[in-house]
Protein backbone atom coordinates (compact mmCIF):
# COMPACT_ATOMS: atom_id res chain seq x y z
CA MET A 1 -15.95 8.40 8.29
CA LYS A 2 -12.21 8.34 8.24
CA THR A 3 -12.20 5.51 5.77
CA PHE A 4 -14.40 7.16 3.46
CA PHE A 5 -12.37 10.43 3.29
CA ARG A 6 -9.30 8.29 2.94
CA PHE A 7 -10.84 6.44 -0.18
CA THR A 8 -12.25 9.62 -1.96
CA MET A 9 -8.67 11.06 -1.67
CA ILE A 10 -7.44 7.96 -3.26
CA ALA A 11 -9.91 8.01 -6.08
CA LEU A 12 -9.73 11.92 -6.75
CA LEU A 13 -5.56 11.32 -7.06
CA MET A 14 -5.98 8.49 -9.45
CA GLY A 15 -8.13 10.88 -11.87
CA PHE A 16 -6.12 13.57 -11.67
CA ALA A 17 -3.22 11.06 -12.57
CA GLN A 18 -5.30 10.06 -15.29
CA VAL A 19 -6.15 13.51 -16.70
CA LEU A 20 -2.43 13.93 -16.78
CA PHE A 21 -1.52 11.24 -18.26
CA ALA A 22 -4.05 11.56 -21.01
CA GLN A 23 -3.25 15.41 -21.52
CA ASP A 24 0.10 15.56 -20.81
CA SER A 25 2.81 16.24 -23.93
CA ARG A 26 6.52 17.20 -24.63
CA ASN A 27 5.47 17.70 -28.15
CA LEU A 28 3.71 21.24 -27.79
CA GLN A 29 3.57 23.21 -30.69
CA PHE A 30 5.90 26.35 -31.34
CA PHE A 31 7.47 25.71 -27.81
CA ARG A 32 10.92 25.86 -26.28
CA PRO A 33 11.98 22.86 -25.10
CA VAL A 34 12.39 22.27 -21.25
CA GLY A 35 16.35 21.23 -20.40
CA GLN A 36 19.75 20.79 -22.27
CA GLU A 37 17.65 20.71 -25.75
CA GLY A 38 16.25 24.79 -25.22
CA LEU A 39 19.79 25.65 -24.40
CA ASN A 40 20.10 28.40 -27.39
CA VAL A 41 16.43 28.78 -28.24
CA PHE A 42 15.91 32.73 -28.20
CA GLU A 43 11.94 32.93 -29.75
CA THR A 44 10.33 29.98 -30.41
CA SER A 45 10.50 28.53 -34.00
CA LYS A 46 8.00 29.12 -37.02
CA ALA A 47 8.46 25.23 -37.50
CA ASP A 48 5.41 23.34 -37.00
CA THR A 49 6.97 20.24 -35.52
CA ALA A 50 3.57 18.62 -33.39
CA GLU A 51 0.36 17.98 -34.53
CA TYR A 52 -3.11 19.36 -32.87
CA ASP A 53 -5.22 16.64 -31.71
CA GLY A 54 -6.84 18.40 -28.94
CA VAL A 55 -5.86 20.09 -25.72
CA LYS A 56 -2.73 19.05 -24.57
CA VAL A 57 -1.55 19.95 -20.70
CA ARG A 58 2.22 20.08 -19.76
CA VAL A 59 2.78 19.98 -16.13
CA GLY A 60 6.59 20.44 -15.10
CA GLY A 61 8.89 22.27 -12.79
CA ASP A 62 12.06 23.87 -11.75
CA PHE A 63 14.49 23.26 -8.68
CA ALA A 64 17.72 25.36 -7.86
CA LEU A 65 20.03 24.95 -4.92
CA GLN A 66 23.37 26.54 -4.36
CA PHE A 67 26.09 26.15 -1.56
CA GLN A 68 27.52 29.54 -1.31
CA GLY A 69 31.35 30.40 -0.02
CA LEU A 70 31.64 34.14 -0.88
CA SER A 71 33.55 36.81 1.00
CA GLN A 72 33.19 40.27 1.04
CA SER A 73 34.30 43.36 2.23
CA ASN A 74 34.49 47.59 2.07
CA ASN A 75 36.20 50.65 3.46
CA ALA A 76 33.71 51.50 6.23
CA GLU A 77 34.74 52.33 9.64
CA VAL A 78 33.94 50.03 12.42
CA GLY A 79 30.72 51.49 14.44
CA SER A 80 29.77 53.10 11.20
CA GLY A 81 26.59 50.79 10.73
CA TYR A 82 28.39 50.50 7.26
CA GLU A 83 30.35 47.37 7.78
CA LEU A 84 29.14 44.44 5.60
CA VAL A 85 28.03 41.30 7.84
CA GLU A 86 30.62 38.38 7.56
CA LEU A 87 29.72 35.69 4.91
CA GLY A 88 30.31 32.08 6.12
CA ASN A 89 30.20 28.64 4.03
CA ASN A 90 26.46 27.31 3.55
CA PHE A 91 23.92 26.61 1.19
CA ASN A 92 20.93 28.85 0.37
CA LEU A 93 17.28 28.47 0.46
CA PRO A 94 16.33 25.82 -2.29
CA THR A 95 14.20 27.76 -5.01
CA ALA A 96 11.56 25.96 -7.02
CA ASN A 97 8.88 27.06 -9.90
CA LEU A 98 5.90 25.35 -11.20
CA ASN A 99 5.29 25.64 -14.79
CA LEU A 100 1.80 24.72 -16.72
CA ASP A 101 1.86 24.57 -20.45
CA VAL A 102 -1.35 23.87 -22.49
CA GLN A 103 -2.39 23.41 -25.87
CA MET A 104 -5.46 25.01 -26.07
CA TYR A 105 -6.23 24.80 -29.80
CA ASP A 106 -4.11 24.15 -33.02
CA GLY A 107 -1.37 27.05 -32.99
CA VAL A 108 -2.83 28.67 -29.53
CA ARG A 109 -0.78 28.05 -26.43
CA LEU A 110 -0.93 29.32 -22.77
CA HIS A 111 2.09 29.32 -20.29
CA LEU A 112 1.70 29.92 -16.28
CA ARG A 113 4.86 29.71 -14.27
CA THR A 114 4.35 30.19 -10.06
CA TYR A 115 7.05 30.76 -8.03
CA LEU A 116 6.74 28.39 -5.27
CA SER A 117 9.93 29.02 -3.16
CA SER A 118 11.85 31.84 -3.68
CA ARG A 119 14.38 34.36 -1.61
CA HIS A 120 12.13 37.21 -1.43
CA HIS A 121 8.95 35.65 -0.93
CA ALA A 122 8.13 32.80 1.57
CA GLU A 123 4.61 32.11 0.13
CA ALA A 124 3.72 30.88 -3.60
CA TRP A 125 2.95 33.28 -5.40
CA VAL A 126 2.36 33.51 -10.07
CA LYS A 127 5.09 35.28 -11.84
CA GLY A 128 3.42 35.44 -14.88
CA GLY A 129 1.44 33.67 -17.77
CA HIS A 130 1.01 34.66 -21.41
CA LEU A 131 -0.95 33.11 -24.61
CA GLN A 132 1.30 32.24 -28.00
CA ILE A 133 -0.95 32.52 -31.02
CA ASP A 134 0.65 30.88 -33.97
CA LYS A 135 -1.98 30.36 -36.25
CA LEU A 136 -5.58 31.92 -36.45
CA ASP A 137 -7.32 28.79 -36.91
CA PHE A 138 -9.78 29.38 -34.49
CA ILE A 139 -11.16 32.23 -36.17
CA SER A 140 -11.97 30.02 -39.58
CA GLU A 141 -9.46 27.56 -40.93
CA GLY A 142 -6.68 28.70 -42.76
CA PHE A 143 -7.54 32.32 -41.85
CA MET A 144 -4.82 34.74 -42.41
CA GLU A 145 -2.39 31.76 -42.95
CA GLY A 146 0.20 33.07 -45.25
CA LEU A 147 0.61 35.94 -42.29
CA MET A 148 0.69 33.83 -39.65
CA GLU A 149 3.60 31.43 -41.63
CA TYR A 150 5.90 34.09 -39.91
CA THR A 151 4.00 36.01 -37.14
CA THR A 152 3.39 35.44 -33.78
CA ILE A 153 1.61 37.06 -31.25
CA THR A 154 1.80 37.02 -27.75
CA VAL A 155 -0.25 38.36 -24.74
CA GLY A 156 -0.16 38.27 -21.09
CA LEU A 157 1.41 39.87 -17.98
CA ASP A 158 4.88 38.23 -18.16
CA GLU A 159 8.27 39.15 -19.40
CA PHE A 160 8.23 40.84 -22.43
CA ASN A 161 10.98 40.43 -25.27
CA TYR A 162 13.28 43.67 -24.83
CA GLY A 163 17.02 41.96 -25.49
CA ASP A 164 17.98 38.43 -25.51
CA ALA A 165 20.16 38.26 -22.09
CA HIS A 166 16.49 37.05 -20.32
CA PHE A 167 16.60 33.85 -22.67
CA ARG A 168 19.68 33.09 -20.99
CA ARG A 169 19.37 34.29 -17.39
CA SER A 170 17.98 32.72 -13.98
CA ASP A 171 14.60 32.82 -13.66
CA ASN A 172 14.47 32.01 -9.92
CA ALA A 173 14.66 28.03 -10.20
CA ARG A 174 14.86 27.61 -13.84
CA ALA A 175 18.51 27.80 -13.89
CA ILE A 176 19.35 25.28 -16.18
CA TYR A 177 19.72 27.51 -19.14
CA ASN A 178 22.32 29.99 -17.03
CA PRO A 179 25.84 28.64 -17.45
CA PHE A 180 27.11 31.07 -14.83
CA VAL A 181 24.73 31.46 -11.44
CA GLY A 182 24.34 35.07 -11.21
CA ASN A 183 22.58 37.24 -14.06
CA TYR A 184 23.57 40.09 -15.46
CA ILE A 185 24.79 43.24 -13.48
CA MET A 186 22.18 45.98 -15.07
CA ASP A 187 19.19 42.49 -15.46
CA ALA A 188 16.61 43.86 -17.97
CA PHE A 189 13.69 41.60 -16.87
CA SER A 190 9.94 42.59 -15.90
CA THR A 191 6.56 41.10 -15.43
CA GLU A 192 4.29 43.56 -17.38
CA ALA A 193 0.71 43.45 -18.84
CA PHE A 194 2.40 43.36 -22.51
CA GLY A 195 1.52 42.93 -26.20
CA GLU A 196 3.81 42.18 -29.03
CA VAL A 197 4.35 40.78 -32.57
CA THR A 198 7.24 38.92 -33.54
CA VAL A 199 7.70 37.83 -37.42
CA GLN A 200 10.55 35.72 -38.61
CA ASN A 201 11.53 34.88 -42.21
CA ASN A 202 14.54 33.34 -43.24
CA GLY A 203 16.51 34.07 -40.53
CA LEU A 204 15.37 37.88 -40.10
CA LEU A 205 13.47 38.58 -37.02
CA ALA A 206 11.42 41.72 -36.06
CA VAL A 207 9.31 42.72 -32.82
CA ILE A 208 7.27 45.26 -31.82
CA GLY A 209 5.25 45.12 -28.37
CA VAL A 210 4.18 47.25 -25.80
CA THR A 211 3.62 46.97 -21.78
CA ASN A 212 1.67 49.75 -19.19
CA GLY A 213 4.81 49.89 -17.59
CA LYS A 214 3.62 48.44 -14.21
CA LEU A 215 5.03 45.77 -12.52
CA ASN A 216 2.48 45.84 -9.36
CA GLN A 217 -0.86 46.45 -11.62
CA SER A 218 -3.40 48.84 -10.55
CA ALA A 219 -6.53 50.47 -12.26
CA THR A 220 -5.49 53.79 -10.62
CA ALA A 221 -5.61 56.59 -13.01
CA GLY A 222 -2.68 58.73 -12.88
CA PRO A 223 -1.37 61.78 -15.18
CA ASN A 224 2.01 60.36 -15.15
CA ASN A 225 1.20 56.79 -15.98
CA LYS A 226 2.35 55.73 -19.67
CA PRO A 227 3.00 52.97 -21.31
CA SER A 228 6.50 51.27 -22.82
CA PHE A 229 7.17 50.83 -26.02
CA TYR A 230 9.92 48.32 -27.15
CA GLY A 231 11.04 46.21 -30.08
CA LYS A 232 13.78 44.61 -32.04
CA LEU A 233 15.56 44.00 -35.28
CA GLY A 234 17.89 41.29 -36.30
CA PHE A 235 18.97 37.78 -37.31
CA ASP A 236 19.60 34.69 -36.73
CA LYS A 237 21.04 31.71 -38.89
CA GLN A 238 22.23 28.47 -38.78
CA PHE A 239 24.51 28.87 -41.48
CA SER A 240 25.80 24.97 -41.33
CA ASP A 241 25.54 21.93 -38.85
CA ASP A 242 28.78 24.21 -37.20
CA PHE A 243 27.94 27.36 -37.65
CA ARG A 244 25.14 29.63 -36.28
CA ALA A 245 25.40 33.23 -35.91
CA ARG A 246 22.78 35.56 -34.30
CA LEU A 247 22.48 39.96 -33.84
CA THR A 248 19.97 41.71 -32.64
CA GLY A 249 19.53 45.48 -31.27
CA SER A 250 16.54 46.32 -29.12
CA TRP A 251 14.87 49.29 -28.15
CA TYR A 252 13.13 50.37 -24.65
CA ILE A 253 11.51 53.85 -23.95
CA ASN A 254 8.88 54.92 -21.21
CA THR A 255 8.43 58.92 -20.37
CA GLY A 256 5.41 58.36 -17.20
CA THR A 257 7.23 59.13 -13.96
CA GLY A 258 5.08 56.83 -12.34
CA THR A 259 5.96 54.13 -14.80
CA GLY A 260 9.01 52.32 -16.63
CA GLY A 261 10.91 52.36 -13.39
CA TYR A 262 11.52 48.29 -13.22
CA LEU A 263 13.36 47.49 -16.69
CA TYR A 264 16.00 46.58 -14.66
CA GLY A 265 14.45 46.00 -11.00
CA GLY A 266 11.42 43.67 -11.92
CA ASP A 267 12.86 40.40 -10.58
CA ARG A 268 11.06 39.97 -7.56
CA ALA A 269 12.86 36.14 -7.22
CA GLY A 270 15.87 37.57 -6.01
CA ALA A 271 19.37 37.84 -6.77
CA ARG A 272 21.75 34.18 -6.87
CA TYR A 273 24.33 35.62 -4.17
CA TYR A 274 22.67 36.00 -1.23
CA ASN A 275 23.62 38.53 1.85
CA VAL A 276 25.94 40.47 -0.27
CA MET A 277 26.38 43.89 0.15
CA HIS A 278 24.41 43.64 3.64
CA SER A 279 25.73 46.19 6.17
CA VAL A 280 25.14 45.18 9.97
CA GLY A 281 23.57 48.90 11.11
CA ASN A 282 24.35 51.05 14.15
CA ASP A 283 21.04 51.93 15.79
CA ASP A 284 23.13 54.58 17.85
CA LEU A 285 23.59 56.42 14.75
CA GLY A 286 20.57 55.69 13.26
CA VAL A 287 21.63 53.76 10.24
CA GLY A 288 19.90 50.86 10.13
CA ALA A 289 21.14 47.30 8.67
CA LYS A 290 20.18 46.83 5.16
CA GLU A 291 20.09 43.99 2.98
CA GLY A 292 18.60 44.44 -0.66
CA PHE A 293 17.27 41.35 -2.60
CA ALA A 294 18.30 42.26 -5.42
CA ASP A 295 21.95 42.97 -4.55
CA PRO A 296 24.52 43.05 -6.31
CA GLN A 297 22.22 43.98 -9.28
CA TYR A 298 21.89 47.50 -10.42
CA ASN A 299 18.89 49.41 -10.80
CA PRO A 300 19.67 53.18 -11.79
CA ARG A 301 15.66 53.49 -11.02
CA PHE A 302 15.52 56.02 -14.02
CA SER A 303 11.59 57.85 -13.86
CA LYS A 304 12.01 58.04 -17.21
CA ILE A 305 13.87 55.95 -19.26
CA GLY A 306 15.08 55.22 -22.64
CA ALA A 307 17.53 51.86 -23.53
CA PHE A 308 19.05 49.87 -26.14
CA GLN A 309 20.73 46.55 -26.22
CA ILE A 310 22.80 44.87 -29.03
CA ASN A 311 23.28 41.21 -28.32
CA PRO A 312 25.69 39.30 -30.56
CA PHE A 313 25.87 35.38 -30.63
CA ILE A 314 27.89 32.76 -32.44
CA LYS A 315 28.10 29.23 -31.90
CA ALA A 316 31.18 27.79 -34.02
CA GLY A 317 31.54 23.92 -33.19
CA GLY A 318 31.87 23.72 -29.20
CA PHE A 319 32.61 27.81 -29.00
CA GLU A 320 30.00 29.79 -28.15
CA PHE A 321 30.33 33.63 -27.15
CA PHE A 322 27.14 36.00 -25.98
CA GLY A 323 27.22 39.45 -25.97
CA ILE A 324 25.67 42.46 -24.11
CA TYR A 325 26.29 46.33 -25.11
CA GLU A 326 23.67 48.54 -23.89
CA VAL A 327 22.97 51.70 -22.70
CA ALA A 328 20.36 53.36 -20.58
CA ASN A 329 19.36 56.48 -20.37
CA GLY A 330 17.39 59.01 -18.05
CA LEU A 331 15.07 61.13 -19.95
CA ASN A 332 14.01 63.46 -17.44
CA GLU A 333 15.58 67.30 -18.39
CA GLY A 334 18.29 68.16 -15.81
CA ALA A 335 19.98 66.21 -12.89
CA ASP A 336 17.76 63.37 -13.66
CA ASP A 337 19.16 62.83 -17.15
CA GLY A 338 21.98 60.53 -16.48
CA SER A 339 23.13 57.78 -18.51
CA LEU A 340 24.77 54.21 -18.08
CA THR A 341 26.48 51.69 -20.27
CA GLN A 342 26.85 47.78 -19.61
CA ILE A 343 29.14 45.62 -21.27
CA ALA A 344 29.46 41.55 -20.76
CA ALA A 345 31.03 39.41 -22.82
CA GLU A 346 30.55 35.27 -22.32
CA ALA A 347 32.91 32.80 -24.10
CA LEU A 348 32.18 28.96 -23.06
CA TYR A 349 33.58 26.11 -24.74
CA ARG A 350 30.88 23.11 -25.02
CA PHE A 351 32.70 19.17 -25.36
CA GLY A 352 31.77 15.78 -24.87
CA ALA A 353 29.14 13.22 -26.13
CA ASN A 354 26.30 15.57 -26.83
CA GLU A 355 28.51 18.56 -25.83
CA ARG A 356 27.52 17.59 -21.82
CA TYR A 357 30.50 19.31 -20.45
CA TYR A 358 31.24 23.15 -20.58
CA ILE A 359 33.90 25.54 -19.51
CA GLY A 360 33.94 29.55 -19.88
CA GLY A 361 34.07 32.47 -18.20
CA ARG A 362 32.32 36.04 -18.14
CA PHE A 363 33.18 39.38 -17.98
CA ASN A 364 30.48 42.37 -16.94
CA SER A 365 30.78 45.39 -16.11
CA VAL A 366 28.38 48.78 -15.26
CA LYS A 367 29.42 52.42 -15.71
CA GLY A 368 28.16 55.69 -15.96
CA ALA A 369 26.54 58.38 -14.05
CA LYS A 370 22.90 58.36 -12.49
CA THR A 371 22.43 62.37 -13.00
CA ALA A 372 23.66 64.75 -15.46
CA ASP A 373 25.67 66.41 -12.44
CA ALA A 374 27.18 63.91 -10.84
CA THR A 375 31.05 64.90 -10.73
CA GLU A 376 32.12 61.07 -10.80
CA ASP A 377 30.85 57.72 -12.88
CA LEU A 378 29.81 54.64 -11.15
CA ASP A 379 31.75 52.00 -11.94
CA THR A 380 31.72 48.25 -11.19
CA ASN A 381 32.97 44.81 -12.81
CA ARG A 382 32.52 41.69 -11.95
CA ILE A 383 33.78 38.19 -13.53
CA ASN A 384 32.97 34.62 -13.84
CA PHE A 385 35.19 31.39 -14.19
CA GLY A 386 33.70 28.23 -14.12
CA GLY A 387 31.73 25.14 -15.66
CA GLY A 388 29.19 22.61 -15.23
CA TRP A 389 27.90 19.00 -16.69
CA PHE A 390 24.44 17.92 -17.73
CA LEU A 391 24.29 14.67 -16.01
CA THR A 392 21.17 14.03 -18.06
CA ASP A 393 19.13 16.70 -20.38
CA ASN A 394 16.78 18.19 -17.48
CA ILE A 395 19.83 17.79 -14.28
CA MET A 396 23.06 19.70 -14.24
CA THR A 397 25.51 20.92 -12.18
CA LYS A 398 27.73 23.78 -11.93
CA VAL A 399 31.04 25.58 -10.09
CA GLU A 400 31.82 29.50 -10.80
CA TYR A 401 34.18 31.52 -9.22
CA VAL A 402 33.13 34.75 -8.94
CA ASN A 403 34.37 38.65 -7.81
CA GLN A 404 32.97 41.91 -8.19
CA GLN A 405 34.44 44.96 -7.23
CA TYR A 406 32.65 48.52 -6.75
CA ASN A 407 35.08 50.77 -7.79
CA GLY A 408 35.92 55.11 -7.42
CA ASP A 409 34.26 57.64 -4.61
CA ALA A 410 31.27 57.46 -6.25
CA TRP A 411 29.86 54.62 -4.21
CA GLY A 412 28.84 55.49 -0.60
CA GLY A 413 27.59 53.77 2.41
CA GLN A 414 28.58 50.06 2.38
CA TYR A 415 28.94 50.25 -1.11
CA ALA A 416 32.20 52.69 -0.79
CA GLY A 417 35.23 50.48 -1.77
CA ALA A 418 32.95 47.20 -1.60
CA GLY A 419 33.81 43.76 -2.85
CA PHE A 420 33.15 40.01 -2.82
CA LYS A 421 34.60 37.01 -4.03
CA GLY A 422 34.36 33.40 -3.57
CA LEU A 423 33.49 29.95 -5.15
CA MET A 424 29.59 28.99 -5.64
CA LEU A 425 27.94 25.07 -6.38
CA GLU A 426 24.31 25.14 -8.06
CA ALA A 427 22.52 22.31 -8.96
CA ALA A 428 19.23 22.61 -11.16
CA ILE A 429 16.53 20.48 -12.26
CA SER A 430 14.17 21.36 -15.03
CA PHE A 431 11.63 18.71 -16.66
């Protein structure tokens, strides 16, 4: 019986390998390349560079591991329960993604990502997926060909295209596009049921989309469940071999108190700096230990929200600049009507053969009031300095110095007078 079972498993594995060999393709249509080749790719191009000759399945993965050497402090008194835990120098939990990309038909592609290991979940779980349609030949050959030459339709339950920062962020283990270890403080990223239309023509870009506003899906009816609407306008032009410029403006709005609060809190994989802002707790005083898996990101949690984000990007030779100017407003009337502004500037210099090395820095700040009647603004800023090396197109390592401070008297609890700093090393593999 054991021999039969062993031979059965071998046969199944051989058959599965043959299917993958027959269907795997690195030349999927309208697809962001994986690895270094995919750097600085935002919306997928409308250039049809791959010929469709049947269903293709691409199985890929991402792996990331950090060595963390951070220290932290705050103004909490000993015994208050708000003192921060002491951090040591050690490895974080490795993270992993499983990616399936399937060419379903000519101009129709499916993407599915599963988090195999993440900071927030011990078990494997589906992050999300979407169907991208760049041709309508499945209706009839050449159907609306003139329109679809410039148009992409995307539907699914996945991250939606608000702002440009989500193209450069780390998505759990997919850290190869991020030149630093952490994401931005106000991290605009959520996975919701959505549909969007993108139009690109001669460098001009327009996006219009809608989501149901829910991170945790449910068909339960509610008077405060309302959709989120978003859009983007801009241009992206390669003026010469050595100069590219891009400028976009994005907007997002949700007026339902039961939906729309996840724009800056949708990353369920957790932030990169582990145990930062984790208080020790004090049971005698009723102060429980607190560790937020998203710390030190900041989510204003406006129950109704309107936001816009402006993103400049310049690539001139080896020099690269990416920026964020973003304002998030609470749309409730009265005390809930706060406003926060995020500014970020990232400058890199890539050099060496095929620009395999880079050095650079990033400044990121968030300032504003969560409520209209706040007497003082919340204020936090972070600086990163570091560099990286692409060992191959699909393997890279990076090192950074990070320093984040919580300024002013508006912060309470473990955040009062808090800050952390130190060195981070990360290795990332994507294939």
